[in-house]
């Protein structure tokens, strides 16, 4: 079923294109109709090229976004390593300044839980009422 527009109304445009469909009420010659057909075919080639370009650009944008996430991750890792290096550097300076570490010349013991010595006497509990 075809839609026909009255000559008093302007025909709709196609896809934002300045060219319009020939509707009832317009009298075009066969040559003019052929020319319009060729215009539409040329427009289609341009639109398809635009689509290909946009598809390629879309894929490139996705790749750039992925690479930005990867770069952000690498920066976060390096920030953590830099912070750890800073802590170690400050500890080294404190040791060099004798502010921490082996202060009395005796080797430092590694941190160990204190050993319990077994008690030979048991504590007695008393209850008073």
Foldseek 3Di string as FASTA:
>chain_A
DDDADDPVDDADDPPPDPDGDDHPPDDDDPVVVVVVVVVVVVVVVVVVVVVVVVVVVVVVVVVVVVVVVVVVVVVVVVVVVVVVVVVVVVVVVCVVVLVDAPNPPDHDDDDDDDDDDDDPDDDDDDDDD
